[in-house]
Amino acid sequence: MSIAPDGASRDHPVLVVDFGAQYAQLIARRVREAHIYSEIVPHSISADEIADRQPGAVIFSGGPKSVHVEGSPRIDPDVYRLGIPILGICYGAQLIAAQLGGEVSRTGVGEYGRTAMSVSHPGTLFSPDEDTERPVWMSHFDSISTPPDGFVVTASTPQAPVAALENPDQRIFGVQFHPEVAHTPGGQAVLERFLYRGAGLAPSWTTESFIDEAVAAIRAQIGDGRAVCGLSGGVDSAVAAALVHRAVGHQLTCVFVDTGLMRQDEGQQVIDAFRRSQGIELIAVDAADRFFDALVGVIDPEEKRKIIGELFIRIFEEAANQVDGAAYLVQGTLYPDVIESGSDSAAKIKSHHNVGGIPEEMDFELVEPLRDLFKDEVRAVGHELGLPDEIVWRHPFPGPGLGVRVIGEVTPDKAALLAKADAIVRAEITAAGLEREIWQAFAVLPDIRTVGVMGDERTYGQVVVIRAVTSEDAMTADWARLPYELLEKMSSRIINEVDGINRVAYDITSKPPGTIEWE
């Protein structure tokens, strides 16, 4: 069987086979950045199952195992007979060599981090216009020592005699390095050469094409029915609502519950963006008093989360029941959520994390128009749909809101104080032009008081901690190296403008070992 579509769409995706790599999601995202649709599949997938998907190409990810270890992950060897273009990365390249008759050796010396690679001839994956010596990012212990018959070695390193290999007739390629990571200069170009030259795919996956397909699918699902959407103030639910509204218009009603734990002015921004700008029917519920009453005396973070989540459900239920005949629930589930949960689409739901867990008596059919997208793609769709930048580029925000950024008991005064400090942090990040480089930047109010001197008087005020991180997907994160001048400005403004704060600290903990949020 030979499968060779002219382009890759959702009908002919590039399948990223996950061999346990930490970078599988990143590979899929890099393929999407080349405007070709991709999906992640488990290594247990059979050749018949792959053939049924009619993919435009297949990419084998890296993995933590050795091909010499008993029980290490394998791919159905019949995959190589399908005629589908294949690229193996790191472990994936070694697996290709091992399964097709080459040799993978335990040299006793690995390569980790930046490594100098020598390109012997360009082949399909490299350009003759580039230097033959180039840096790449390696992470391997075993090495391919002998390629399978019919394969040509195109690059090597001191510890990897076969750093890249290819069989252009069979359209099977392998690289020992990681082209998907930013530490490999020109790595994206290597992936694109495989996709465009090696697999013959066309860059047809665009924001516009996604919107057109999604609108058609939403209309087919909802028909003449009514739908409700729980807006959280975040970008995911906002884009999902805007997309469904484009598809079915007045058949959608959004519910926004203001918990009193939102970021400063966020509630009004949501109302303005959807009711006034987008013309979407919106039920806005000011429930701040109910949430603060429920949180009196509560200190344990898990108990706070439970109280906030359950009360949100009750209030959402009250509002949703005002929408006569609503049978569909719109939620902003993203592709990483689907991957991590390992679940398939379900027509009916009883609970879902995006709205805190819908109670059993509410029986909605789920509409998840963004479940195939990564966060950066969601932002692009939101921009195309005309949502304002303050919604599209809003940093991620936890479901319980400021309730888990106020450490200890949550009170209206503490929440208001934190909201002011947080607004200053975010405003200065934006003014410095770093809003789109930083994954999240926010303030935390720990349950700490410290001695200070303001004017000629002794103070005993509260501490604000600034947290800013960079990340690709929030699964790991590094603390952001903000300029000292920016930190100084944030600290000065917070102490001068937020009454009751006399000290500001900066959190320089990465994830792991810490988490992005404090609770």
Protein backbone atom coordinates (compact mmCIF):
# COMPACT_ATOMS: atom_id res chain seq x y z
CA MET A 1 0.00 0.00 0.00
CA SER A 2 1.30 3.44 -0.87
CA ILE A 3 -0.06 6.61 0.69
CA ALA A 4 1.23 9.86 -0.78
CA PRO A 5 -1.29 12.72 -0.56
CA ASP A 6 -0.32 16.04 -2.13
CA GLY A 7 -0.75 17.92 1.15
CA ALA A 8 -1.36 17.33 4.84
CA SER A 9 -4.68 18.42 6.29
CA ARG A 10 -6.76 17.03 9.10
CA ASP A 11 -7.69 14.28 6.62
CA HIS A 12 -3.99 13.49 6.00
CA PRO A 13 -2.17 14.48 9.20
CA VAL A 14 1.46 14.07 10.08
CA LEU A 15 1.46 11.50 12.88
CA VAL A 16 4.02 12.00 15.65
CA VAL A 17 4.64 8.61 17.25
CA ASP A 18 5.41 9.10 20.94
CA PHE A 19 8.12 6.81 22.31
CA GLY A 20 8.01 8.46 25.74
CA ALA A 21 9.82 11.62 24.73
CA GLN A 22 9.53 14.82 26.70
CA TYR A 23 9.53 16.60 23.33
CA ALA A 24 6.67 14.81 21.54
CA GLN A 25 4.33 17.76 21.97
CA LEU A 26 7.05 20.12 20.82
CA ILE A 27 7.60 18.10 17.63
CA ALA A 28 3.87 18.26 16.88
CA ARG A 29 3.89 22.01 17.45
CA ARG A 30 6.88 22.52 15.18
CA VAL A 31 5.06 20.65 12.40
CA ARG A 32 2.05 22.92 12.93
CA GLU A 33 4.39 25.93 12.70
CA ALA A 34 5.28 24.66 9.22
CA HIS A 35 1.53 24.98 8.45
CA ILE A 36 0.97 21.24 8.33
CA TYR A 37 -1.50 19.55 10.64
CA SER A 38 -0.09 17.03 13.11
CA GLU A 39 -1.35 14.66 15.78
CA ILE A 40 0.39 12.60 18.48
CA VAL A 41 -0.21 8.85 18.56
CA PRO A 42 1.12 6.11 20.88
CA HIS A 43 3.88 3.76 19.73
CA SER A 44 1.46 0.87 20.21
CA ILE A 45 -0.43 1.96 17.08
CA SER A 46 -0.45 -0.75 14.41
CA ALA A 47 0.52 -0.41 10.77
CA ASP A 48 -3.11 -1.01 9.77
CA GLU A 49 -4.26 1.75 12.11
CA ILE A 50 -1.69 4.11 10.62
CA ALA A 51 -2.76 3.18 7.10
CA ASP A 52 -6.39 3.83 8.01
CA ARG A 53 -5.46 7.36 9.07
CA GLN A 54 -3.92 8.03 5.62
CA PRO A 55 -1.19 10.27 7.04
CA GLY A 56 0.93 12.59 4.97
CA ALA A 57 4.01 11.50 6.93
CA VAL A 58 5.09 9.88 10.19
CA ILE A 59 7.67 11.19 12.68
CA PHE A 60 9.18 8.93 15.34
CA SER A 61 9.96 10.91 18.51
CA GLY A 62 12.91 10.44 20.81
CA GLY A 63 12.60 8.47 24.02
CA PRO A 64 14.38 7.65 27.28
CA LYS A 65 15.01 3.95 26.54
CA SER A 66 17.75 2.11 24.68
CA VAL A 67 16.85 -0.07 21.69
CA HIS A 68 18.96 -2.77 23.40
CA VAL A 69 16.77 -2.90 26.51
CA GLU A 70 14.21 -5.69 26.64
CA GLY A 71 10.72 -4.23 26.51
CA SER A 72 11.83 -0.91 25.03
CA PRO A 73 9.15 0.63 22.81
CA ARG A 74 8.95 -0.52 19.19
CA ILE A 75 6.83 0.31 16.17
CA ASP A 76 4.99 -2.26 14.09
CA PRO A 77 7.64 -3.15 11.44
CA ASP A 78 4.95 -3.27 8.74
CA VAL A 79 4.87 0.54 8.96
CA TYR A 80 8.01 0.64 6.83
CA ARG A 81 6.16 -1.18 4.02
CA LEU A 82 3.34 1.37 3.77
CA GLY A 83 5.31 3.77 1.60
CA ILE A 84 4.64 6.65 4.01
CA PRO A 85 7.52 9.13 4.46
CA ILE A 86 9.15 8.61 7.87
CA LEU A 87 11.50 10.77 9.95
CA GLY A 88 13.13 9.34 13.08
CA ILE A 89 14.48 11.70 15.75
CA CYS A 90 17.10 10.48 18.29
CA TYR A 91 15.65 7.19 19.63
CA GLY A 92 13.36 7.19 16.58
CA ALA A 93 16.40 7.23 14.27
CA GLN A 94 18.07 4.43 16.23
CA LEU A 95 14.88 2.38 16.05
CA ILE A 96 14.75 2.77 12.27
CA ALA A 97 18.36 1.58 12.02
CA ALA A 98 17.79 -1.37 14.38
CA GLN A 99 14.57 -2.54 12.73
CA LEU A 100 15.83 -2.22 9.15
CA GLY A 101 19.07 -4.14 9.63
CA GLY A 102 21.58 -1.50 10.69
CA GLU A 103 23.59 -1.51 13.89
CA VAL A 104 23.13 0.58 17.03
CA SER A 105 26.14 0.42 19.34
CA ARG A 106 26.74 1.08 22.99
CA THR A 107 29.91 3.11 22.67
CA GLY A 108 30.15 3.91 26.37
CA VAL A 109 30.24 7.62 25.57
CA GLY A 110 27.16 9.73 25.00
CA GLU A 111 26.53 13.24 23.79
CA TYR A 112 24.44 15.70 25.75
CA GLY A 113 23.78 19.34 24.98
CA ARG A 114 25.33 21.47 22.25
CA THR A 115 27.46 19.36 19.90
CA ALA A 116 29.39 20.17 16.72
CA MET A 117 28.05 18.22 13.72
CA SER A 118 29.72 17.82 10.32
CA VAL A 119 27.53 17.50 7.21
CA SER A 120 29.23 15.28 4.61
CA HIS A 121 26.66 16.09 1.92
CA PRO A 122 23.32 17.91 2.05
CA GLY A 123 20.94 15.18 0.92
CA THR A 124 17.30 16.01 1.55
CA LEU A 125 17.47 17.45 5.07
CA PHE A 126 20.33 19.93 4.76
CA SER A 127 21.07 22.90 2.53
CA PRO A 128 24.25 23.19 0.44
CA ASP A 129 24.25 26.92 1.21
CA GLU A 130 24.86 26.32 4.94
CA ASP A 131 28.15 25.65 6.68
CA THR A 132 29.18 22.00 6.76
CA GLU A 133 30.05 22.43 10.45
CA ARG A 134 27.07 23.39 12.59
CA PRO A 135 25.91 23.11 16.22
CA VAL A 136 23.05 20.76 17.13
CA TRP A 137 21.44 19.66 20.40
CA MET A 138 22.14 16.05 21.36
CA SER A 139 20.81 13.82 24.12
CA HIS A 140 21.84 10.19 23.56
CA PHE A 141 24.04 7.40 24.88
CA ASP A 142 23.72 4.76 22.14
CA SER A 143 24.81 5.60 18.60
CA ILE A 144 24.04 4.27 15.12
CA SER A 145 27.31 2.74 13.98
CA THR A 146 26.21 1.07 10.71
CA PRO A 147 23.26 2.27 8.59
CA PRO A 148 20.83 -0.22 7.04
CA ASP A 149 21.31 -1.23 3.41
CA GLY A 150 20.20 1.47 1.00
CA PHE A 151 20.79 4.30 3.48
CA VAL A 152 23.28 7.12 3.01
CA VAL A 153 25.02 8.81 5.95
CA THR A 154 24.78 12.58 5.53
CA ALA A 155 26.21 13.90 8.83
CA SER A 156 28.33 12.82 11.80
CA THR A 157 29.69 14.02 15.14
CA PRO A 158 32.72 12.89 17.17
CA GLN A 159 30.61 10.34 19.09
CA ALA A 160 27.91 9.65 16.49
CA PRO A 161 29.30 8.39 13.17
CA VAL A 162 25.73 8.41 11.85
CA ALA A 163 24.21 11.70 13.02
CA ALA A 164 21.89 11.80 10.01
CA LEU A 165 20.92 9.19 7.44
CA GLU A 166 18.41 8.81 4.66
CA ASN A 167 17.00 6.47 2.07
CA PRO A 168 15.42 8.88 -0.44
CA ASP A 169 13.98 6.04 -2.54
CA GLN A 170 11.99 4.69 0.42
CA ARG A 171 11.56 8.24 1.81
CA ILE A 172 12.87 7.22 5.25
CA PHE A 173 15.10 9.66 7.15
CA GLY A 174 16.72 9.84 10.57
CA VAL A 175 18.60 12.38 12.69
CA GLN A 176 20.40 11.67 15.96
CA PHE A 177 20.02 15.28 17.11
CA HIS A 178 16.87 17.16 18.15
CA PRO A 179 15.78 19.59 15.38
CA GLU A 180 12.62 20.49 17.31
CA VAL A 181 14.37 22.32 20.16
CA ALA A 182 15.41 25.96 19.99
CA HIS A 183 18.98 24.97 20.93
CA THR A 184 19.49 23.50 17.42
CA PRO A 185 19.98 26.48 15.08
CA GLY A 186 18.19 25.79 11.81
CA GLY A 187 16.33 22.85 13.32
CA GLN A 188 12.98 24.06 12.06
CA ALA A 189 14.41 24.23 8.54
CA VAL A 190 15.48 20.57 8.84
CA LEU A 191 11.93 19.57 9.81
CA GLU A 192 10.48 21.63 6.96
CA ARG A 193 12.80 20.05 4.42
CA PHE A 194 11.58 16.64 5.50
CA LEU A 195 7.95 17.77 5.28
CA TYR A 196 8.20 19.68 2.00
CA ARG A 197 10.97 17.83 0.14
CA GLY A 198 11.04 14.41 1.72
CA ALA A 199 7.29 13.95 2.12
CA GLY A 200 6.09 16.31 -0.61
CA LEU A 201 3.55 18.01 1.64
CA ALA A 202 2.04 21.43 1.08
CA PRO A 203 1.79 24.05 3.86
CA SER A 204 -2.00 24.21 3.85
CA TRP A 205 -2.80 24.22 7.60
CA THR A 206 -3.63 27.88 8.35
CA THR A 207 -5.73 29.83 10.81
CA GLU A 208 -8.22 30.66 8.07
CA SER A 209 -8.58 27.03 6.99
CA PHE A 210 -9.08 25.94 10.60
CA ILE A 211 -11.80 28.53 11.21
CA ASP A 212 -13.67 27.51 8.06
CA GLU A 213 -13.52 23.81 9.01
CA ALA A 214 -14.47 24.49 12.64
CA VAL A 215 -17.45 26.67 11.75
CA ALA A 216 -18.80 23.98 9.44
CA ALA A 217 -18.32 21.29 12.11
CA ILE A 218 -20.02 23.40 14.82
CA ARG A 219 -23.01 24.10 12.61
CA ALA A 220 -23.33 20.42 11.78
CA GLN A 221 -23.21 19.48 15.47
CA ILE A 222 -25.48 22.15 16.98
CA GLY A 223 -27.90 22.57 14.08
CA ASP A 224 -30.87 24.59 15.34
CA GLY A 225 -30.07 23.89 19.01
CA ARG A 226 -29.04 26.21 21.82
CA ALA A 227 -25.61 26.28 23.46
CA VAL A 228 -24.14 27.77 26.62
CA CYS A 229 -20.51 28.62 27.33
CA GLY A 230 -18.90 29.31 30.68
CA LEU A 231 -16.52 32.23 30.20
CA SER A 232 -13.63 32.28 32.65
CA GLY A 233 -11.92 35.43 31.40
CA GLY A 234 -9.08 33.39 29.89
CA VAL A 235 -8.14 33.11 26.25
CA ASP A 236 -9.29 29.50 25.73
CA SER A 237 -12.95 29.92 26.69
CA ALA A 238 -13.01 33.33 25.01
CA VAL A 239 -11.82 31.99 21.64
CA ALA A 240 -14.12 28.98 21.88
CA ALA A 241 -17.09 31.30 22.49
CA ALA A 242 -16.15 33.62 19.63
CA LEU A 243 -15.75 30.68 17.24
CA VAL A 244 -19.10 29.12 18.17
CA HIS A 245 -20.78 32.53 17.91
CA ARG A 246 -19.43 32.92 14.37
CA ALA A 247 -20.96 29.52 13.56
CA VAL A 248 -24.41 29.77 15.21
CA GLY A 249 -24.82 33.40 16.27
CA HIS A 250 -27.70 34.07 18.67
CA GLN A 251 -28.04 30.34 19.45
CA LEU A 252 -25.12 30.78 21.88
CA THR A 253 -25.44 32.28 25.35
CA CYS A 254 -22.33 32.85 27.47
CA VAL A 255 -22.27 32.81 31.26
CA PHE A 256 -19.65 34.83 33.10
CA VAL A 257 -19.38 34.37 36.86
CA ASP A 258 -17.41 37.16 38.55
CA THR A 259 -16.02 35.46 41.63
CA GLY A 260 -14.37 38.58 43.03
CA LEU A 261 -11.10 36.70 42.56
CA MET A 262 -10.42 37.94 39.03
CA ARG A 263 -7.53 40.11 37.92
CA GLN A 264 -8.09 43.85 38.20
CA ASP A 265 -10.80 45.13 35.80
CA GLU A 266 -10.98 41.70 34.16
CA GLY A 267 -14.70 41.25 34.72
CA GLN A 268 -15.57 44.47 32.90
CA GLN A 269 -13.13 43.63 30.11
CA VAL A 270 -14.92 40.33 29.50
CA ILE A 271 -18.33 42.00 29.47
CA ASP A 272 -17.14 44.74 27.11
CA ALA A 273 -15.38 42.29 24.77
CA PHE A 274 -18.31 39.90 24.40
CA ARG A 275 -21.54 41.77 25.05
CA ARG A 276 -20.59 45.07 23.47
CA SER A 277 -17.84 44.32 20.94
CA GLN A 278 -18.77 40.81 19.79
CA GLY A 279 -22.53 41.18 20.26
CA ILE A 280 -22.79 37.86 22.11
CA GLU A 281 -25.66 37.25 24.50
CA LEU A 282 -24.05 37.25 27.93
CA ILE A 283 -25.35 36.50 31.40
CA ALA A 284 -23.00 38.19 33.89
CA VAL A 285 -23.29 37.16 37.53
CA ASP A 286 -21.63 39.23 40.27
CA ALA A 287 -21.07 36.57 42.91
CA ALA A 288 -18.10 38.03 44.81
CA ASP A 289 -19.92 38.20 48.16
CA ARG A 290 -20.94 34.54 47.93
CA PHE A 291 -17.37 33.42 47.30
CA PHE A 292 -15.83 35.51 50.07
CA ASP A 293 -18.47 34.32 52.53
CA ALA A 294 -17.72 30.71 51.61
CA LEU A 295 -13.97 31.23 52.14
CA VAL A 296 -14.10 32.73 55.65
CA GLY A 297 -11.55 30.99 57.86
CA VAL A 298 -10.35 28.62 55.11
CA ILE A 299 -6.56 28.28 54.88
CA ASP A 300 -5.85 24.90 53.26
CA PRO A 301 -5.23 25.41 49.49
CA GLU A 302 -7.00 22.23 48.40
CA GLU A 303 -10.04 23.12 50.47
CA LYS A 304 -10.05 26.59 48.90
CA ARG A 305 -9.94 25.07 45.42
CA LYS A 306 -12.78 22.69 46.25
CA ILE A 307 -14.99 25.44 47.71
CA ILE A 308 -14.38 27.81 44.80
CA GLY A 309 -14.94 25.06 42.20
CA GLU A 310 -18.15 23.73 43.74
CA LEU A 311 -19.64 27.19 44.26
CA PHE A 312 -18.79 28.12 40.69
CA ILE A 313 -20.67 25.04 39.52
CA ARG A 314 -23.76 25.94 41.53
CA ILE A 315 -23.80 29.52 40.23
CA PHE A 316 -23.12 28.44 36.65
CA GLU A 317 -25.98 25.94 36.95
CA GLU A 318 -28.37 28.66 38.16
CA ALA A 319 -27.45 30.88 35.20
CA ALA A 320 -27.45 28.09 32.59
CA ASN A 321 -30.95 27.06 33.64
CA GLN A 322 -32.13 30.49 32.46
CA VAL A 323 -31.30 29.50 28.88
CA ASP A 324 -34.35 27.62 27.64
CA GLY A 325 -33.62 24.52 25.61
CA ALA A 326 -29.84 24.66 25.93
CA ALA A 327 -28.51 21.21 25.08
CA TYR A 328 -24.87 21.98 24.26
CA LEU A 329 -21.99 23.09 26.46
CA VAL A 330 -19.06 24.92 24.83
CA GLN A 331 -15.66 24.54 26.47
CA GLY A 332 -12.13 25.65 25.65
CA THR A 333 -10.40 22.26 25.87
CA LEU A 334 -7.03 22.32 24.06
CA TYR A 335 -4.97 19.57 22.44
CA PRO A 336 -2.52 19.27 25.38
CA ASP A 337 -5.54 18.56 27.63
CA VAL A 338 -6.58 15.75 25.28
CA ILE A 339 -3.07 14.30 25.11
CA GLU A 340 -2.54 14.37 28.86
CA SER A 341 -5.92 12.88 29.69
CA GLY A 342 -5.56 10.17 27.04
CA SER A 343 -9.29 10.33 26.45
CA ASP A 344 -11.26 10.18 23.25
CA SER A 345 -14.12 12.44 22.27
CA ALA A 346 -17.28 11.84 24.21
CA ALA A 347 -20.71 12.85 23.01
CA LYS A 348 -22.17 13.24 26.49
CA ILE A 349 -20.46 14.53 29.61
CA LYS A 350 -21.15 14.59 33.31
CA SER A 351 -18.03 16.42 34.39
CA HIS A 352 -15.22 18.39 32.85
CA HIS A 353 -12.29 20.24 34.37
CA ASN A 354 -12.75 23.40 32.30
CA VAL A 355 -15.86 24.38 34.23
CA GLY A 356 -14.87 22.75 37.48
CA GLY A 357 -16.98 19.63 37.01
CA ILE A 358 -20.55 19.94 35.75
CA PRO A 359 -23.02 18.27 38.14
CA GLU A 360 -24.63 14.99 37.14
CA GLU A 361 -28.12 16.40 36.74
CA MET A 362 -26.89 18.67 33.91
CA ASP A 363 -26.84 16.63 30.73
CA PHE A 364 -25.13 18.56 27.94
CA GLU A 365 -23.53 17.46 24.71
CA LEU A 366 -20.01 18.79 24.68
CA VAL A 367 -18.76 21.21 22.02
CA GLU A 368 -14.97 21.55 22.05
CA PRO A 369 -13.95 23.47 18.91
CA LEU A 370 -10.34 24.00 20.06
CA ARG A 371 -9.49 20.45 21.09
CA ASP A 372 -7.10 20.06 18.14
CA LEU A 373 -5.12 23.24 18.87
CA PHE A 374 -2.11 24.27 20.92
CA LYS A 375 -2.15 27.53 22.91
CA ASP A 376 -0.25 29.57 20.31
CA GLU A 377 -2.72 28.44 17.63
CA VAL A 378 -5.63 29.43 19.85
CA ARG A 379 -4.21 32.94 20.14
CA ALA A 380 -3.85 33.15 16.35
CA VAL A 381 -7.48 32.07 15.91
CA GLY A 382 -8.63 34.61 18.49
CA HIS A 383 -6.79 37.37 16.67
CA GLU A 384 -8.33 36.30 13.35
CA LEU A 385 -11.79 36.34 14.97
CA GLY A 386 -11.31 39.96 16.05
CA LEU A 387 -10.92 39.50 19.80
CA PRO A 388 -9.00 42.36 21.47
CA ASP A 389 -5.33 41.87 22.35
CA GLU A 390 -6.03 42.14 26.08
CA ILE A 391 -8.06 38.92 25.73
CA VAL A 392 -5.95 37.10 23.11
CA TRP A 393 -2.60 37.71 24.83
CA ARG A 394 -3.83 37.40 28.39
CA HIS A 395 -1.50 35.25 30.48
CA PRO A 396 -2.85 31.95 31.85
CA PHE A 397 -4.85 32.29 35.06
CA PRO A 398 -5.76 29.50 37.50
CA GLY A 399 -9.39 28.46 37.78
CA PRO A 400 -9.65 29.54 41.46
CA GLY A 401 -8.12 32.89 40.47
CA LEU A 402 -6.57 35.01 43.20
CA GLY A 403 -7.92 32.50 45.69
CA VAL A 404 -4.71 30.47 45.26
CA ARG A 405 -2.42 33.49 44.98
CA VAL A 406 -3.53 34.83 48.36
CA ILE A 407 -1.76 32.43 50.72
CA GLY A 408 -3.84 31.70 53.79
CA GLU A 409 -7.34 33.03 54.36
CA VAL A 410 -8.84 34.90 51.41
CA THR A 411 -10.60 38.17 52.29
CA PRO A 412 -11.95 41.02 50.13
CA ASP A 413 -9.21 43.35 51.39
CA LYS A 414 -6.41 40.89 50.60
CA ALA A 415 -7.84 40.14 47.16
CA ALA A 416 -8.15 43.86 46.35
CA LEU A 417 -4.59 44.53 47.55
CA LEU A 418 -3.21 41.66 45.47
CA ALA A 419 -5.20 42.67 42.40
CA LYS A 420 -3.60 46.15 42.51
CA ALA A 421 -0.07 44.75 42.89
CA ASP A 422 -0.70 42.18 40.16
CA ALA A 423 -1.97 44.87 37.79
CA ILE A 424 1.28 46.80 38.27
CA VAL A 425 3.39 43.70 37.50
CA ARG A 426 1.46 42.98 34.32
CA ALA A 427 1.41 46.63 33.21
CA GLU A 428 5.19 46.93 33.56
CA ILE A 429 5.75 43.65 31.71
CA THR A 430 3.63 45.03 28.86
CA ALA A 431 5.37 48.43 28.93
CA ALA A 432 8.73 46.65 28.67
CA GLY A 433 7.54 44.81 25.56
CA LEU A 434 7.86 41.40 27.25
CA GLU A 435 4.19 40.38 27.40
CA ARG A 436 4.51 37.87 24.55
CA GLU A 437 7.89 36.51 25.68
CA ILE A 438 6.76 35.72 29.22
CA TRP A 439 4.44 32.74 29.72
CA GLN A 440 3.06 34.08 33.00
CA ALA A 441 3.83 37.09 35.19
CA PHE A 442 1.86 37.83 38.33
CA ALA A 443 1.99 38.76 42.01
CA VAL A 444 1.53 36.52 45.04
CA LEU A 445 0.49 37.63 48.53
CA PRO A 446 2.08 35.26 51.06
CA ASP A 447 0.83 35.20 54.62
CA ILE A 448 3.88 37.11 55.87
CA ARG A 449 4.45 40.49 57.50
CA THR A 450 7.84 42.20 57.74
CA VAL A 451 9.29 45.23 59.47
CA GLY A 452 10.04 48.22 57.30
CA VAL A 453 10.71 51.96 57.40
CA MET A 454 8.59 54.32 55.34
CA GLY A 455 9.29 57.99 55.85
CA ASP A 456 10.53 58.21 59.43
CA GLU A 457 8.12 55.63 60.75
CA ARG A 458 8.44 51.94 61.45
CA THR A 459 6.00 49.78 59.50
CA TYR A 460 4.87 46.21 59.83
CA GLY A 461 3.51 45.52 56.39
CA GLN A 462 2.83 42.70 53.99
CA VAL A 463 5.09 41.15 51.38
CA VAL A 464 4.35 40.79 47.67
CA VAL A 465 6.24 38.18 45.64
CA ILE A 466 6.64 38.70 41.90
CA ARG A 467 6.56 35.51 39.80
CA ALA A 468 7.49 35.47 36.09
CA VAL A 469 8.30 32.38 34.05
CA THR A 470 9.08 31.38 30.49
CA SER A 471 7.67 28.16 29.09
CA GLU A 472 6.58 26.35 25.95
CA ASP A 473 3.61 24.48 27.42
CA ALA A 474 3.60 24.97 31.23
CA MET A 475 4.72 21.35 31.75
CA THR A 476 8.15 22.76 32.56
CA ALA A 477 9.06 26.39 33.17
CA ASP A 478 12.10 28.53 33.90
CA TRP A 479 12.12 31.70 35.96
CA ALA A 480 12.32 34.72 33.71
CA ARG A 481 15.56 36.73 33.80
CA LEU A 482 13.84 40.10 33.99
CA PRO A 483 16.08 43.18 33.81
CA TYR A 484 17.02 44.61 37.19
CA GLU A 485 15.66 48.01 36.14
CA LEU A 486 12.25 46.44 35.45
CA LEU A 487 12.19 44.65 38.79
CA GLU A 488 13.18 47.88 40.53
CA LYS A 489 10.35 49.76 38.83
CA MET A 490 7.79 47.10 39.77
CA SER A 491 8.96 47.10 43.38
CA SER A 492 8.93 50.87 43.65
CA ARG A 493 5.44 51.20 42.17
CA ILE A 494 3.96 48.41 44.32
CA ILE A 495 5.35 49.85 47.57
CA ASN A 496 4.37 53.43 46.67
CA GLU A 497 0.94 52.71 45.18
CA VAL A 498 -0.41 49.74 47.14
CA ASP A 499 -1.14 50.64 50.73
CA GLY A 500 0.02 48.04 53.24
CA ILE A 501 2.96 46.62 51.23
CA ASN A 502 6.48 47.38 52.48
CA ARG A 503 8.54 44.64 50.82
CA VAL A 504 8.73 43.01 47.36
CA ALA A 505 10.57 39.76 46.53
CA TYR A 506 11.22 37.93 43.24
CA ASP A 507 10.76 34.15 42.92
CA ILE A 508 13.66 32.51 41.05
CA THR A 509 12.43 28.91 41.28
CA SER A 510 12.00 26.87 38.09
CA LYS A 511 9.47 24.08 37.46
CA PRO A 512 10.53 21.53 38.56
CA PRO A 513 11.23 21.58 41.46
CA GLY A 514 8.61 24.24 42.13
CA THR A 515 5.30 24.83 40.40
CA ILE A 516 4.33 27.96 38.51
CA GLU A 517 1.60 28.80 41.02
CA TRP A 518 2.31 28.90 44.75
CA GLU A 519 -0.76 26.87 45.71
